[in-house]
Amino acid sequence: MKKTFYLMRHGQTLFNLRRKIQGACDSPLTELGIKQAQVAGEYFKDIHLDHAYSSTSERCCDTLEIVTDNSIPYTRLKGLKEMNFGIFEGESEDLNPKNKEVFGTFFLDYGGES
């Protein structure tokens, strides 16, 4: 039997809009983020989902609830989460290092919301 796996990112958040580093910390969806989830919901409206999972973050749960129009139950998984950027959480994305040779690929390849 064929199974299809769908993976989705949350809609735009207030931190995305304000260019803040967001990993473990949370911020709400913006109006655009809500509209993005609604557009994704149109795509999925005729697709049957056997299971749905979300991280425990508000932005992810809200996105999933909008996409599915609260029509299916889902499981919140604590282990499905973004990295914690410590003291950089909530700070300006301008703090992300730009030079891979000096700082390595960690911040650039795993830069959270960028």
PDB file of N, CA and C in Angstrom:
ATOM      1  N   MET A   1       0.837  -1.174   0.000  1.00  0.00           N
ATOM      2  CA  MET A   1       0.000   0.000   0.000  1.00  0.00           C
ATOM      3  C   MET A   1       0.888   1.246   0.000  1.00  0.00           C
ATOM      4  N   LYS A   2       0.556   2.197  -0.837  1.00  0.00           N
ATOM      5  CA  LYS A   2       1.316   3.441  -0.959  1.00  0.00           C
ATOM      6  C   LYS A   2       0.942   4.403   0.178  1.00  0.00           C
ATOM      7  N   LYS A   3       1.946   4.973   0.797  1.00  0.00           N
ATOM      8  CA  LYS A   3       1.753   5.995   1.833  1.00  0.00           C
ATOM      9  C   LYS A   3       2.448   7.277   1.384  1.00  0.00           C
ATOM     10  N   THR A   4       1.819   8.387   1.643  1.00  0.00           N
ATOM     11  CA  THR A   4       2.400   9.690   1.327  1.00  0.00           C
ATOM     12  C   THR A   4       2.624  10.449   2.626  1.00  0.00           C
ATOM     13  N   PHE A   5       3.800  11.036   2.749  1.00  0.00           N
ATOM     14  CA  PHE A   5       4.184  11.781   3.942  1.00  0.00           C
ATOM     15  C   PHE A   5       4.231  13.265   3.588  1.00  0.00           C
ATOM     16  N   TYR A   6       3.484  14.077   4.291  1.00  0.00           N
ATOM     17  CA  TYR A   6       3.479  15.528   4.062  1.00  0.00           C
ATOM     18  C   TYR A   6       4.182  16.207   5.238  1.00  0.00           C
ATOM     19  N   LEU A   7       5.068  17.120   4.921  1.00  0.00           N
ATOM     20  CA  LEU A   7       5.778  17.889   5.929  1.00  0.00           C
ATOM     21  C   LEU A   7       5.532  19.360   5.645  1.00  0.00           C
ATOM     22  N   MET A   8       5.147  20.104   6.657  1.00  0.00           N
ATOM     23  CA  MET A   8       4.778  21.507   6.451  1.00  0.00           C
ATOM     24  C   MET A   8       5.431  22.390   7.504  1.00  0.00           C
ATOM     25  N   ARG A   9       5.822  23.549   7.079  1.00  0.00           N
ATOM     26  CA  ARG A   9       6.352  24.567   7.986  1.00  0.00           C
ATOM     27  C   ARG A   9       5.187  25.445   8.418  1.00  0.00           C
ATOM     28  N   HIS A  10       5.285  26.019   9.599  1.00  0.00           N
ATOM     29  CA  HIS A  10       4.249  26.925  10.085  1.00  0.00           C
ATOM     30  C   HIS A  10       4.187  28.189   9.232  1.00  0.00           C
ATOM     31  N   GLY A  11       3.101  28.929   9.350  1.00  0.00           N
ATOM     32  CA  GLY A  11       2.968  30.206   8.654  1.00  0.00           C
ATOM     33  C   GLY A  11       3.848  31.273   9.290  1.00  0.00           C
ATOM     34  N   GLN A  12       3.888  32.435   8.651  1.00  0.00           N
ATOM     35  CA  GLN A  12       4.715  33.542   9.149  1.00  0.00           C
ATOM     36  C   GLN A  12       4.305  33.911  10.577  1.00  0.00           C
ATOM     37  N   THR A  13       5.306  34.189  11.405  1.00  0.00           N
ATOM     38  CA  THR A  13       5.045  34.600  12.788  1.00  0.00           C
ATOM     39  C   THR A  13       5.482  36.049  13.000  1.00  0.00           C
ATOM     40  N   LEU A  14       5.110  36.560  14.148  1.00  0.00           N
ATOM     41  CA  LEU A  14       5.504  37.918  14.521  1.00  0.00           C
ATOM     42  C   LEU A  14       7.029  38.048  14.557  1.00  0.00           C
ATOM     43  N   PHE A  15       7.720  37.026  15.068  1.00  0.00           N
ATOM     44  CA  PHE A  15       9.183  37.068  15.095  1.00  0.00           C
ATOM     45  C   PHE A  15       9.763  37.040  13.682  1.00  0.00           C
ATOM     46  N   ASN A  16       9.166  36.259  12.771  1.00  0.00           N
ATOM     47  CA  ASN A  16       9.629  36.267  11.382  1.00  0.00           C
ATOM     48  C   ASN A  16       9.519  37.671  10.813  1.00  0.00           C
ATOM     49  N   LEU A  17       8.375  38.299  11.036  1.00  0.00           N
ATOM     50  CA  LEU A  17       8.116  39.635  10.518  1.00  0.00           C
ATOM     51  C   LEU A  17       9.108  40.651  11.082  1.00  0.00           C
ATOM     52  N   ARG A  18       9.421  40.513  12.344  1.00  0.00           N
ATOM     53  CA  ARG A  18      10.344  41.448  13.012  1.00  0.00           C
ATOM     54  C   ARG A  18      11.811  41.031  12.910  1.00  0.00           C
ATOM     55  N   ARG A  19      12.086  39.955  12.134  1.00  0.00           N
ATOM     56  CA  ARG A  19      13.440  39.456  11.916  1.00  0.00           C
ATOM     57  C   ARG A  19      14.138  39.111  13.234  1.00  0.00           C
ATOM     58  N   LYS A  20      13.415  38.360  14.076  1.00  0.00           N
ATOM     59  CA  LYS A  20      13.956  37.906  15.355  1.00  0.00           C
ATOM     60  C   LYS A  20      14.288  36.424  15.257  1.00  0.00           C
ATOM     61  N   ILE A  21      15.356  36.016  15.907  1.00  0.00           N
ATOM     62  CA  ILE A  21      15.748  34.610  15.934  1.00  0.00           C
ATOM     63  C   ILE A  21      14.722  33.851  16.767  1.00  0.00           C
ATOM     64  N   GLN A  22      14.187  32.806  16.160  1.00  0.00           N
ATOM     65  CA  GLN A  22      13.112  32.047  16.802  1.00  0.00           C
ATOM     66  C   GLN A  22      13.395  30.565  16.630  1.00  0.00           C
ATOM     67  N   GLY A  23      13.627  29.911  17.714  1.00  0.00           N
ATOM     68  CA  GLY A  23      13.809  28.470  17.695  1.00  0.00           C
ATOM     69  C   GLY A  23      12.868  27.879  18.713  1.00  0.00           C
ATOM     70  N   ALA A  24      13.356  27.744  19.954  1.00  0.00           N
ATOM     71  CA  ALA A  24      12.533  27.179  21.021  1.00  0.00           C
ATOM     72  C   ALA A  24      11.482  28.170  21.520  1.00  0.00           C
ATOM     73  N   CYS A  25      11.778  29.473  21.430  1.00  0.00           N
ATOM     74  CA  CYS A  25      10.777  30.449  21.875  1.00  0.00           C
ATOM     75  C   CYS A  25       9.646  30.493  20.845  1.00  0.00           C
ATOM     76  N   ASP A  26       8.549  31.074  21.215  1.00  0.00           N
ATOM     77  CA  ASP A  26       7.370  31.028  20.355  1.00  0.00           C
ATOM     78  C   ASP A  26       6.832  32.436  20.140  1.00  0.00           C
ATOM     79  N   SER A  27       6.201  32.625  19.004  1.00  0.00           N
ATOM     80  CA  SER A  27       5.479  33.861  18.753  1.00  0.00           C
ATOM     81  C   SER A  27       4.276  33.512  17.884  1.00  0.00           C
ATOM     82  N   PRO A  28       3.223  34.317  17.943  1.00  0.00           N
ATOM     83  CA  PRO A  28       1.984  33.986  17.237  1.00  0.00           C
ATOM     84  C   PRO A  28       2.082  34.204  15.729  1.00  0.00           C
ATOM     85  N   LEU A  29       1.167  33.562  15.023  1.00  0.00           N
ATOM     86  CA  LEU A  29       1.061  33.774  13.581  1.00  0.00           C
ATOM     87  C   LEU A  29       0.612  35.200  13.299  1.00  0.00           C
ATOM     88  N   THR A  30       1.108  35.766  12.230  1.00  0.00           N
ATOM     89  CA  THR A  30       0.642  37.071  11.766  1.00  0.00           C
ATOM     90  C   THR A  30      -0.594  36.857  10.892  1.00  0.00           C
ATOM     91  N   GLU A  31      -1.197  37.931  10.435  1.00  0.00           N
ATOM     92  CA  GLU A  31      -2.322  37.813   9.501  1.00  0.00           C
ATOM     93  C   GLU A  31      -1.875  37.073   8.243  1.00  0.00           C
ATOM     94  N   LEU A  32      -0.662  37.379   7.760  1.00  0.00           N
ATOM     95  CA  LEU A  32      -0.138  36.665   6.594  1.00  0.00           C
ATOM     96  C   LEU A  32       0.054  35.185   6.910  1.00  0.00           C
ATOM     97  N   GLY A  33       0.548  34.862   8.087  1.00  0.00           N
ATOM     98  CA  GLY A  33       0.740  33.474   8.490  1.00  0.00           C
ATOM     99  C   GLY A  33      -0.571  32.706   8.517  1.00  0.00           C
ATOM    100  N   ILE A  34      -1.626  33.359   8.973  1.00  0.00           N
ATOM    101  CA  ILE A  34      -2.958  32.742   8.982  1.00  0.00           C
ATOM    102  C   ILE A  34      -3.432  32.517   7.553  1.00  0.00           C
ATOM    103  N   LYS A  35      -3.235  33.504   6.688  1.00  0.00           N
ATOM    104  CA  LYS A  35      -3.625  33.351   5.280  1.00  0.00           C
ATOM    105  C   LYS A  35      -2.826  32.237   4.608  1.00  0.00           C
ATOM    106  N   GLN A  36      -1.532  32.127   4.937  1.00  0.00           N
ATOM    107  CA  GLN A  36      -0.713  31.054   4.371  1.00  0.00           C
ATOM    108  C   GLN A  36      -1.267  29.689   4.776  1.00  0.00           C
ATOM    109  N   ALA A  37      -1.671  29.553   6.030  1.00  0.00           N
ATOM    110  CA  ALA A  37      -2.246  28.291   6.502  1.00  0.00           C
ATOM    111  C   ALA A  37      -3.574  28.011   5.805  1.00  0.00           C
ATOM    112  N   GLN A  38      -4.363  29.042   5.570  1.00  0.00           N
ATOM    113  CA  GLN A  38      -5.639  28.861   4.875  1.00  0.00           C
ATOM    114  C   GLN A  38      -5.418  28.401   3.430  1.00  0.00           C
ATOM    115  N   VAL A  39      -4.418  28.956   2.774  1.00  0.00           N
ATOM    116  CA  VAL A  39      -4.084  28.530   1.404  1.00  0.00           C
ATOM    117  C   VAL A  39      -3.651  27.065   1.409  1.00  0.00           C
ATOM    118  N   ALA A  40      -2.818  26.696   2.381  1.00  0.00           N
ATOM    119  CA  ALA A  40      -2.407  25.294   2.494  1.00  0.00           C
ATOM    120  C   ALA A  40      -3.618  24.406   2.760  1.00  0.00           C
ATOM    121  N   GLY A  41      -4.566  24.897   3.539  1.00  0.00           N
ATOM    122  CA  GLY A  41      -5.787  24.152   3.815  1.00  0.00           C
ATOM    123  C   GLY A  41      -6.584  23.877   2.553  1.00  0.00           C
ATOM    124  N   GLU A  42      -6.597  24.826   1.627  1.00  0.00           N
ATOM    125  CA  GLU A  42      -7.275  24.614   0.336  1.00  0.00           C
ATOM    126  C   GLU A  42      -6.617  23.469  -0.424  1.00  0.00           C
ATOM    127  N   TYR A  43      -5.308  23.389  -0.370  1.00  0.00           N
ATOM    128  CA  TYR A  43      -4.582  22.309  -1.036  1.00  0.00           C
ATOM    129  C   TYR A  43      -4.968  20.956  -0.440  1.00  0.00           C
ATOM    130  N   PHE A  44      -5.085  20.902   0.890  1.00  0.00           N
ATOM    131  CA  PHE A  44      -5.333  19.640   1.577  1.00  0.00           C
ATOM    132  C   PHE A  44      -6.815  19.282   1.723  1.00  0.00           C
ATOM    133  N   LYS A  45      -7.727  20.133   1.281  1.00  0.00           N
ATOM    134  CA  LYS A  45      -9.144  19.902   1.577  1.00  0.00           C
ATOM    135  C   LYS A  45      -9.679  18.583   1.025  1.00  0.00           C
ATOM    136  N   ASP A  46      -9.148  18.077  -0.061  1.00  0.00           N
ATOM    137  CA  ASP A  46      -9.619  16.808  -0.633  1.00  0.00           C
ATOM    138  C   ASP A  46      -8.640  15.661  -0.398  1.00  0.00           C
ATOM    139  N   ILE A  47      -7.703  15.863   0.508  1.00  0.00           N
ATOM    140  CA  ILE A  47      -6.710  14.833   0.816  1.00  0.00           C
ATOM    141  C   ILE A  47      -7.024  14.263   2.198  1.00  0.00           C
ATOM    142  N   HIS A  48      -7.198  12.949   2.253  1.00  0.00           N
ATOM    143  CA  HIS A  48      -7.460  12.294   3.533  1.00  0.00           C
ATOM    144  C   HIS A  48      -6.130  12.087   4.260  1.00  0.00           C
ATOM    145  N   LEU A  49      -6.063  12.548   5.499  1.00  0.00           N
ATOM    146  CA  LEU A  49      -4.873  12.359   6.328  1.00  0.00           C
ATOM    147  C   LEU A  49      -5.191  11.308   7.383  1.00  0.00           C
ATOM    148  N   ASP A  50      -4.384  10.254   7.411  1.00  0.00           N
ATOM    149  CA  ASP A  50      -4.575   9.203   8.417  1.00  0.00           C
ATOM    150  C   ASP A  50      -4.165   9.676   9.807  1.00  0.00           C
ATOM    151  N   HIS A  51      -3.092  10.453   9.872  1.00  0.00           N
ATOM    152  CA  HIS A  51      -2.556  10.938  11.142  1.00  0.00           C
ATOM    153  C   HIS A  51      -2.015  12.344  10.932  1.00  0.00           C
ATOM    154  N   ALA A  52      -2.024  13.126  12.000  1.00  0.00           N
ATOM    155  CA  ALA A  52      -1.428  14.460  11.953  1.00  0.00           C
ATOM    156  C   ALA A  52      -0.649  14.681  13.245  1.00  0.00           C
ATOM    157  N   TYR A  53       0.513  15.299  13.102  1.00  0.00           N
ATOM    158  CA  TYR A  53       1.394  15.548  14.234  1.00  0.00           C
ATOM    159  C   TYR A  53       1.874  16.993  14.178  1.00  0.00           C
ATOM    160  N   SER A  54       2.136  17.556  15.345  1.00  0.00           N
ATOM    161  CA  SER A  54       2.658  18.913  15.426  1.00  0.00           C
ATOM    162  C   SER A  54       3.623  18.996  16.595  1.00  0.00           C
ATOM    163  N   SER A  55       4.529  19.958  16.505  1.00  0.00           N
ATOM    164  CA  SER A  55       5.332  20.257  17.687  1.00  0.00           C
ATOM    165  C   SER A  55       4.390  20.896  18.707  1.00  0.00           C
ATOM    166  N   THR A  56       4.888  21.161  19.879  1.00  0.00           N
ATOM    167  CA  THR A  56       4.046  21.766  20.915  1.00  0.00           C
ATOM    168  C   THR A  56       3.987  23.284  20.805  1.00  0.00           C
ATOM    169  N   SER A  57       4.706  23.863  19.860  1.00  0.00           N
ATOM    170  CA  SER A  57       4.702  25.325  19.742  1.00  0.00           C
ATOM    171  C   SER A  57       3.355  25.823  19.221  1.00  0.00           C
ATOM    172  N   GLU A  58       2.967  26.973  19.730  1.00  0.00           N
ATOM    173  CA  GLU A  58       1.698  27.589  19.351  1.00  0.00           C
ATOM    174  C   GLU A  58       1.625  27.821  17.846  1.00  0.00           C
ATOM    175  N   ARG A  59       2.718  28.304  17.249  1.00  0.00           N
ATOM    176  CA  ARG A  59       2.705  28.628  15.832  1.00  0.00           C
ATOM    177  C   ARG A  59       2.436  27.392  14.972  1.00  0.00           C
ATOM    178  N   CYS A  60       2.955  26.257  15.387  1.00  0.00           N
ATOM    179  CA  CYS A  60       2.763  25.015  14.621  1.00  0.00           C
ATOM    180  C   CYS A  60       1.367  24.444  14.830  1.00  0.00           C
ATOM    181  N   CYS A  61       0.919  24.404  16.079  1.00  0.00           N
ATOM    182  CA  CYS A  61      -0.433  23.899  16.363  1.00  0.00           C
ATOM    183  C   CYS A  61      -1.489  24.762  15.677  1.00  0.00           C
ATOM    184  N   ASP A  62      -1.328  26.074  15.750  1.00  0.00           N
ATOM    185  CA  ASP A  62      -2.292  26.973  15.095  1.00  0.00           C
ATOM    186  C   ASP A  62      -2.318  26.743  13.591  1.00  0.00           C
ATOM    187  N   THR A  63      -1.145  26.582  12.994  1.00  0.00           N
ATOM    188  CA  THR A  63      -1.078  26.344  11.551  1.00  0.00           C
ATOM    189  C   THR A  63      -1.811  25.049  11.200  1.00  0.00           C
ATOM    190  N   LEU A  64      -1.543  23.979  11.929  1.00  0.00           N
ATOM    191  CA  LEU A  64      -2.193  22.695  11.645  1.00  0.00           C
ATOM    192  C   LEU A  64      -3.702  22.782  11.828  1.00  0.00           C
ATOM    193  N   GLU A  65      -4.153  23.452  12.874  1.00  0.00           N
ATOM    194  CA  GLU A  65      -5.590  23.583  13.117  1.00  0.00           C
ATOM    195  C   GLU A  65      -6.277  24.368  12.005  1.00  0.00           C
ATOM    196  N   ILE A  66      -5.617  25.385  11.492  1.00  0.00           N
ATOM    197  CA  ILE A  66      -6.191  26.157  10.379  1.00  0.00           C
ATOM    198  C   ILE A  66      -6.201  25.319   9.108  1.00  0.00           C
ATOM    199  N   VAL A  67      -5.105  24.640   8.831  1.00  0.00           N
ATOM    200  CA  VAL A  67      -5.007  23.823   7.616  1.00  0.00           C
ATOM    201  C   VAL A  67      -6.096  22.752   7.592  1.00  0.00           C
ATOM    202  N   THR A  68      -6.323  22.108   8.733  1.00  0.00           N
ATOM    203  CA  THR A  68      -7.312  21.022   8.787  1.00  0.00           C
ATOM    204  C   THR A  68      -8.700  21.509   9.178  1.00  0.00           C
ATOM    205  N   ASP A  69      -8.852  22.799   9.415  1.00  0.00           N
ATOM    206  CA  ASP A  69     -10.125  23.381   9.860  1.00  0.00           C
ATOM    207  C   ASP A  69     -10.633  22.642  11.105  1.00  0.00           C
ATOM    208  N   ASN A  70      -9.708  22.255  11.961  1.00  0.00           N
ATOM    209  CA  ASN A  70     -10.021  21.520  13.194  1.00  0.00           C
ATOM    210  C   ASN A  70     -10.848  20.262  12.953  1.00  0.00           C
ATOM    211  N   SER A  71     -10.724  19.687  11.769  1.00  0.00           N
ATOM    212  CA  SER A  71     -11.571  18.545  11.412  1.00  0.00           C
ATOM    213  C   SER A  71     -10.981  17.192  11.798  1.00  0.00           C
ATOM    214  N   ILE A  72      -9.704  17.167  12.185  1.00  0.00           N
ATOM    215  CA  ILE A  72      -9.101  15.892  12.590  1.00  0.00           C
ATOM    216  C   ILE A  72      -8.309  16.092  13.877  1.00  0.00           C
ATOM    217  N   PRO A  73      -8.279  15.064  14.713  1.00  0.00           N
ATOM    218  CA  PRO A  73      -7.425  15.160  15.904  1.00  0.00           C
ATOM    219  C   PRO A  73      -5.964  15.046  15.495  1.00  0.00           C
ATOM    220  N   TYR A  74      -5.090  15.601  16.319  1.00  0.00           N
ATOM    221  CA  TYR A  74      -3.662  15.487  16.037  1.00  0.00           C
ATOM    222  C   TYR A  74      -2.899  15.275  17.327  1.00  0.00           C
ATOM    223  N   THR A  75      -1.702  14.810  17.183  1.00  0.00           N
ATOM    224  CA  THR A  75      -0.841  14.526  18.327  1.00  0.00           C
ATOM    225  C   THR A  75       0.252  15.578  18.394  1.00  0.00           C
ATOM    226  N   ARG A  76       0.411  16.163  19.571  1.00  0.00           N
ATOM    227  CA  ARG A  76       1.497  17.114  19.806  1.00  0.00           C
ATOM    228  C   ARG A  76       2.689  16.337  20.342  1.00  0.00           C
ATOM    229  N   LEU A  77       3.819  16.500  19.676  1.00  0.00           N
ATOM    230  CA  LEU A  77       5.031  15.770  20.049  1.00  0.00           C
ATOM    231  C   LEU A  77       6.085  16.724  20.591  1.00  0.00           C
ATOM    232  N   LYS A  78       6.488  16.523  21.832  1.00  0.00           N
ATOM    233  CA  LYS A  78       7.514  17.376  22.442  1.00  0.00           C
ATOM    234  C   LYS A  78       8.848  17.268  21.712  1.00  0.00           C
ATOM    235  N   GLY A  79       9.137  16.105  21.155  1.00  0.00           N
ATOM    236  CA  GLY A  79      10.415  15.893  20.480  1.00  0.00           C
ATOM    237  C   GLY A  79      10.493  16.498  19.093  1.00  0.00           C
ATOM    238  N   LEU A  80       9.373  16.947  18.584  1.00  0.00           N
ATOM    239  CA  LEU A  80       9.333  17.560  17.251  1.00  0.00           C
ATOM    240  C   LEU A  80       9.397  19.073  17.445  1.00  0.00           C
ATOM    241  N   LYS A  81      10.614  19.586  17.512  1.00  0.00           N
ATOM    242  CA  LYS A  81      10.761  21.007  17.826  1.00  0.00           C
ATOM    243  C   LYS A  81      12.005  21.579  17.167  1.00  0.00           C
ATOM    244  N   GLU A  82      12.057  22.883  17.165  1.00  0.00           N
ATOM    245  CA  GLU A  82      13.215  23.585  16.622  1.00  0.00           C
ATOM    246  C   GLU A  82      14.341  23.583  17.650  1.00  0.00           C
ATOM    247  N   MET A  83      15.528  23.891  17.180  1.00  0.00           N
ATOM    248  CA  MET A  83      16.672  23.995  18.076  1.00  0.00           C
ATOM    249  C   MET A  83      16.509  25.190  19.008  1.00  0.00           C
ATOM    250  N   ASN A  84      17.151  25.111  20.145  1.00  0.00           N
ATOM    251  CA  ASN A  84      17.172  26.216  21.090  1.00  0.00           C
ATOM    252  C   ASN A  84      18.453  27.009  20.842  1.00  0.00           C
ATOM    253  N   PHE A  85      18.314  28.288  20.552  1.00  0.00           N
ATOM    254  CA  PHE A  85      19.470  29.127  20.256  1.00  0.00           C
ATOM    255  C   PHE A  85      19.940  29.935  21.465  1.00  0.00           C
ATOM    256  N   GLY A  86      19.513  29.516  22.656  1.00  0.00           N
ATOM    257  CA  GLY A  86      20.002  30.097  23.905  1.00  0.00           C
ATOM    258  C   GLY A  86      19.816  31.601  23.990  1.00  0.00           C
ATOM    259  N   ILE A  87      20.910  32.303  24.301  1.00  0.00           N
ATOM    260  CA  ILE A  87      20.837  33.754  24.503  1.00  0.00           C
ATOM    261  C   ILE A  87      20.463  34.506  23.229  1.00  0.00           C
ATOM    262  N   PHE A  88      20.516  33.828  22.080  1.00  0.00           N
ATOM    263  CA  PHE A  88      20.167  34.488  20.820  1.00  0.00           C
ATOM    264  C   PHE A  88      18.656  34.480  20.554  1.00  0.00           C
ATOM    265  N   GLU A  89      17.897  33.672  21.313  1.00  0.00           N
ATOM    266  CA  GLU A  89      16.447  33.612  21.128  1.00  0.00           C
ATOM    267  C   GLU A  89      15.841  35.012  21.294  1.00  0.00           C
ATOM    268  N   GLY A  90      15.053  35.428  20.338  1.00  0.00           N
ATOM    269  CA  GLY A  90      14.374  36.717  20.401  1.00  0.00           C
ATOM    270  C   GLY A  90      15.226  37.898  19.981  1.00  0.00           C
ATOM    271  N   GLU A  91      16.497  37.646  19.691  1.00  0.00           N
ATOM    272  CA  GLU A  91      17.388  38.719  19.259  1.00  0.00           C
ATOM    273  C   GLU A  91      17.304  38.895  17.749  1.00  0.00           C
ATOM    274  N   SER A  92      17.887  39.947  17.242  1.00  0.00           N
ATOM    275  CA  SER A  92      17.851  40.262  15.821  1.00  0.00           C
ATOM    276  C   SER A  92      18.550  39.201  14.982  1.00  0.00           C
ATOM    277  N   GLU A  93      17.979  38.886  13.828  1.00  0.00           N
ATOM    278  CA  GLU A  93      18.620  37.959  12.896  1.00  0.00           C
ATOM    279  C   GLU A  93      19.952  38.513  12.384  1.00  0.00           C
ATOM    280  N   ASP A  94      20.199  39.795  12.581  1.00  0.00           N
ATOM    281  CA  ASP A  94      21.481  40.384  12.182  1.00  0.00           C
ATOM    282  C   ASP A  94      22.638  39.778  12.969  1.00  0.00           C
ATOM    283  N   LEU A  95      22.358  39.110  14.082  1.00  0.00           N
ATOM    284  CA  LEU A  95      23.404  38.462  14.870  1.00  0.00           C
ATOM    285  C   LEU A  95      23.863  37.145  14.254  1.00  0.00           C
ATOM    286  N   ASN A  96      23.121  36.604  13.281  1.00  0.00           N
ATOM    287  CA  ASN A  96      23.545  35.369  12.615  1.00  0.00           C
ATOM    288  C   ASN A  96      24.846  35.635  11.869  1.00  0.00           C
ATOM    289  N   PRO A  97      25.870  34.846  12.143  1.00  0.00           N
ATOM    290  CA  PRO A  97      27.146  35.031  11.439  1.00  0.00           C
ATOM    291  C   PRO A  97      26.981  34.824   9.933  1.00  0.00           C
ATOM    292  N   LYS A  98      27.683  35.610   9.137  1.00  0.00           N
ATOM    293  CA  LYS A  98      27.584  35.526   7.681  1.00  0.00           C
ATOM    294  C   LYS A  98      28.742  34.758   7.063  1.00  0.00           C
ATOM    295  N   ASN A  99      29.848  34.621   7.789  1.00  0.00           N
ATOM    296  CA  ASN A  99      31.057  34.033   7.240  1.00  0.00           C
ATOM    297  C   ASN A  99      31.207  32.579   7.681  1.00  0.00           C
ATOM    298  N   LYS A 100      30.924  31.622   6.776  1.00  0.00           N
ATOM    299  CA  LYS A 100      31.007  30.199   7.111  1.00  0.00           C
ATOM    300  C   LYS A 100      32.427  29.783   7.470  1.00  0.00           C
ATOM    301  N   GLU A 101      33.418  30.363   6.838  1.00  0.00           N
ATOM    302  CA  GLU A 101      34.789  29.956   7.095  1.00  0.00           C
ATOM    303  C   GLU A 101      35.208  30.291   8.520  1.00  0.00           C
ATOM    304  N   VAL A 102      34.675  31.353   9.073  1.00  0.00           N
ATOM    305  CA  VAL A 102      35.027  31.754  10.429  1.00  0.00           C
ATOM    306  C   VAL A 102      34.163  31.030  11.446  1.00  0.00           C
ATOM    307  N   PHE A 103      32.861  30.935  11.194  1.00  0.00           N
ATOM    308  CA  PHE A 103      31.931  30.416  12.188  1.00  0.00           C
ATOM    309  C   PHE A 103      31.461  28.994  11.925  1.00  0.00           C
ATOM    310  N   GLY A 104      31.851  28.394  10.831  1.00  0.00           N
ATOM    311  CA  GLY A 104      31.367  27.057  10.506  1.00  0.00           C
ATOM    312  C   GLY A 104      29.962  27.124   9.932  1.00  0.00           C
ATOM    313  N   THR A 105      29.360  25.981   9.716  1.00  0.00           N
ATOM    314  CA  THR A 105      28.045  25.959   9.073  1.00  0.00           C
ATOM    315  C   THR A 105      26.902  25.898  10.062  1.00  0.00           C
ATOM    316  N   PHE A 106      27.168  25.777  11.342  1.00  0.00           N
ATOM    317  CA  PHE A 106      26.108  25.574  12.327  1.00  0.00           C
ATOM    318  C   PHE A 106      25.009  26.628  12.249  1.00  0.00           C
ATOM    319  N   PHE A 107      25.348  27.894  12.448  1.00  0.00           N
ATOM    320  CA  PHE A 107      24.331  28.931  12.477  1.00  0.00           C
ATOM    321  C   PHE A 107      23.680  29.151  11.117  1.00  0.00           C
ATOM    322  N   LEU A 108      24.433  29.003  10.056  1.00  0.00           N
ATOM    323  CA  LEU A 108      23.879  29.265   8.736  1.00  0.00           C
ATOM    324  C   LEU A 108      22.995  28.128   8.243  1.00  0.00           C
ATOM    325  N   ASP A 109      23.421  26.897   8.469  1.00  0.00           N
ATOM    326  CA  ASP A 109      22.641  25.756   7.995  1.00  0.00           C
ATOM    327  C   ASP A 109      21.483  25.428   8.918  1.00  0.00           C
ATOM    328  N   TYR A 110      21.579  25.774  10.187  1.00  0.00           N
ATOM    329  CA  TYR A 110      20.531  25.471  11.153  1.00  0.00           C
ATOM    330  C   TYR A 110      20.026  26.759  11.786  1.00  0.00           C
ATOM    331  N   GLY A 111      19.846  27.776  10.972  1.00  0.00           N
ATOM    332  CA  GLY A 111      19.534  29.104  11.455  1.00  0.00           C
ATOM    333  C   GLY A 111      18.102  29.318  11.857  1.00  0.00           C
ATOM    334  N   GLY A 112      17.371  28.255  12.142  1.00  0.00           N
ATOM    335  CA  GLY A 112      16.004  28.437  12.608  1.00  0.00           C
ATOM    336  C   GLY A 112      15.112  29.010  11.543  1.00  0.00           C
ATOM    337  N   GLU A 113      14.584  30.170  11.788  1.00  0.00           N
ATOM    338  CA  GLU A 113      13.517  30.729  10.966  1.00  0.00           C
ATOM    339  C   GLU A 113      13.981  31.475   9.727  1.00  0.00           C
ATOM    340  N   SER A 114      15.265  31.612   9.542  1.00  0.00           N
ATOM    341  CA  SER A 114      15.745  32.401   8.407  1.00  0.00           C
ATOM    342  C   SER A 114      15.408  31.756   7.083  1.00  0.00           C
TER     343      SER A 114
END
